[in-house]
Protein backbone atom coordinates (compact mmCIF):
# COMPACT_ATOMS: atom_id res chain seq x y z
CA UNK A 1 18.93 10.35 0.08
CA UNK A 2 16.41 9.75 2.87
CA UNK A 3 13.87 6.94 2.98
CA UNK A 4 11.07 6.16 5.41
CA UNK A 5 10.83 2.47 6.26
CA UNK A 6 7.26 1.79 7.44
CA UNK A 7 7.05 -1.43 9.45
CA UNK A 8 3.80 -3.42 9.26
CA UNK A 9 2.92 -6.51 11.28
CA UNK A 10 -0.15 -8.10 12.81
CA UNK A 11 -0.63 -6.67 16.29
CA UNK A 12 -2.34 -9.92 17.30
CA UNK A 13 0.82 -11.89 16.47
CA UNK A 14 2.85 -9.76 18.88
CA UNK A 15 0.24 -10.06 21.63
CA UNK A 16 0.29 -13.86 21.36
CA UNK A 17 4.07 -14.07 21.89
CA UNK A 18 5.44 -15.12 25.24
CA UNK A 19 7.44 -12.61 27.27
CA UNK A 20 10.62 -14.45 26.22
CA UNK A 21 9.67 -14.26 22.53
CA UNK A 22 8.87 -10.55 22.82
CA UNK A 23 12.23 -10.01 24.54
CA UNK A 24 14.02 -11.86 21.73
CA UNK A 25 12.37 -9.75 19.03
CA UNK A 26 13.17 -6.60 21.01
CA UNK A 27 16.80 -7.76 21.19
CA UNK A 28 16.78 -8.27 17.39
CA UNK A 29 15.59 -4.68 16.92
CA UNK A 30 18.44 -3.52 19.18
CA UNK A 31 20.95 -5.45 17.04
CA UNK A 32 19.41 -3.95 13.89
CA UNK A 33 19.76 -0.46 15.41
CA UNK A 34 23.45 -1.05 16.16
CA UNK A 35 24.17 -2.50 12.71
CA UNK A 36 22.59 0.45 10.90
CA UNK A 37 23.29 3.22 13.43
CA UNK A 38 25.00 5.40 10.81
CA UNK A 39 22.03 5.15 8.42
CA UNK A 40 19.21 5.57 10.95
CA UNK A 41 18.19 9.23 11.25
CA UNK A 42 15.21 8.53 13.51
CA UNK A 43 12.52 6.02 14.29
CA UNK A 44 9.93 4.91 16.79
CA UNK A 45 7.51 2.15 17.55
CA UNK A 46 3.85 3.07 17.70
CA UNK A 47 1.20 2.39 20.32
CA UNK A 48 -1.42 -0.22 19.28
CA UNK A 49 -4.07 0.81 16.73
CA UNK A 50 -6.88 1.23 19.30
CA UNK A 51 -5.02 4.37 20.48
CA UNK A 52 -5.07 5.88 16.96
CA UNK A 53 -7.38 8.61 15.71
CA UNK A 54 -7.99 9.45 12.06
CA UNK A 55 -8.68 13.08 11.18
CA UNK A 56 -10.43 14.26 8.03
CA UNK A 57 -11.77 17.68 7.08
CA UNK A 58 -14.81 17.67 4.82
CA UNK A 59 -16.62 20.84 3.79
CA UNK A 60 -14.73 22.72 6.48
CA UNK A 61 -15.82 20.33 9.23
CA UNK A 62 -13.30 18.31 11.23
CA UNK A 63 -14.22 14.62 11.52
CA UNK A 64 -12.34 12.42 13.99
CA UNK A 65 -12.78 8.65 14.04
CA UNK A 66 -11.22 6.02 16.26
CA UNK A 67 -8.54 3.75 14.90
CA UNK A 68 -6.43 3.66 11.77
CA UNK A 69 -7.57 4.89 8.39
CA UNK A 70 -8.23 1.46 6.89
CA UNK A 71 -8.99 -2.03 8.09
CA UNK A 72 -6.08 -4.21 7.07
CA UNK A 73 -4.54 -7.50 8.08
CA UNK A 74 -1.30 -5.75 9.03
CA UNK A 75 -0.99 -2.56 11.06
CA UNK A 76 1.68 0.12 11.01
CA UNK A 77 3.84 -0.70 14.01
CA UNK A 78 6.72 1.73 13.65
CA UNK A 79 9.20 3.31 11.31
CA UNK A 80 12.81 4.18 10.67
CA UNK A 81 14.04 7.22 8.82
CA UNK A 82 17.28 6.20 7.11
CA UNK A 83 19.93 7.75 4.92
CA UNK A 84 20.84 5.52 1.97
CA UNK A 85 22.73 5.93 -1.33
CA UNK A 86 19.69 4.83 -3.34
CA UNK A 87 16.52 2.74 -3.23
CA UNK A 88 18.49 -0.51 -3.51
CA UNK A 89 20.45 0.26 -0.35
CA UNK A 90 17.25 1.31 1.47
CA UNK A 91 15.61 -1.97 0.43
CA UNK A 92 18.62 -3.94 1.69
CA UNK A 93 18.33 -2.17 5.06
CA UNK A 94 14.56 -2.77 5.18
CA UNK A 95 15.09 -6.49 4.57
CA UNK A 96 17.11 -6.66 7.80
CA UNK A 97 14.30 -5.27 9.98
CA UNK A 98 13.20 -8.20 12.16
CA UNK A 99 9.49 -7.86 11.44
CA UNK A 100 10.08 -8.09 7.68
CA UNK A 101 9.99 -11.86 8.39
CA UNK A 102 6.39 -11.69 9.63
CA UNK A 103 4.82 -8.61 8.04
CA UNK A 104 6.14 -6.12 5.52
CA UNK A 105 8.27 -3.00 5.31
CA UNK A 106 7.24 -0.25 2.92
CA UNK A 107 10.19 1.78 1.57
CA UNK A 108 9.31 5.34 0.61
CA UNK A 109 11.71 8.05 -0.57
CA UNK A 110 11.37 11.34 1.27
CA UNK A 111 10.07 14.16 -0.91
CA UNK A 112 12.40 17.13 -0.62
CA UNK A 113 10.80 20.52 -1.15
CA UNK A 114 12.93 23.31 -2.58
């Protein structure tokens, strides 16, 4: 079963870290990737929220606004697509993501269309 692990953290926290602290967190993500290499089907980090655009279509008209959909304390920073036996295993994997210590990781099962 596939799950999307959506990683949220405060962008400002990351920006305040020293180069050494950023390197350490990057190393932790590398270790996570090695530990769960068999489960990880894909994943990426995302550019900061000022680079985001939100698209809506209302009454046939396309509306594009700058930034993420909602103002929140935490921003979506990246994701992993993982293969897990069940939700409990996906949650256990999510708990090992380094930024789970600072932000949150949303675990969502992938909807499979027939």
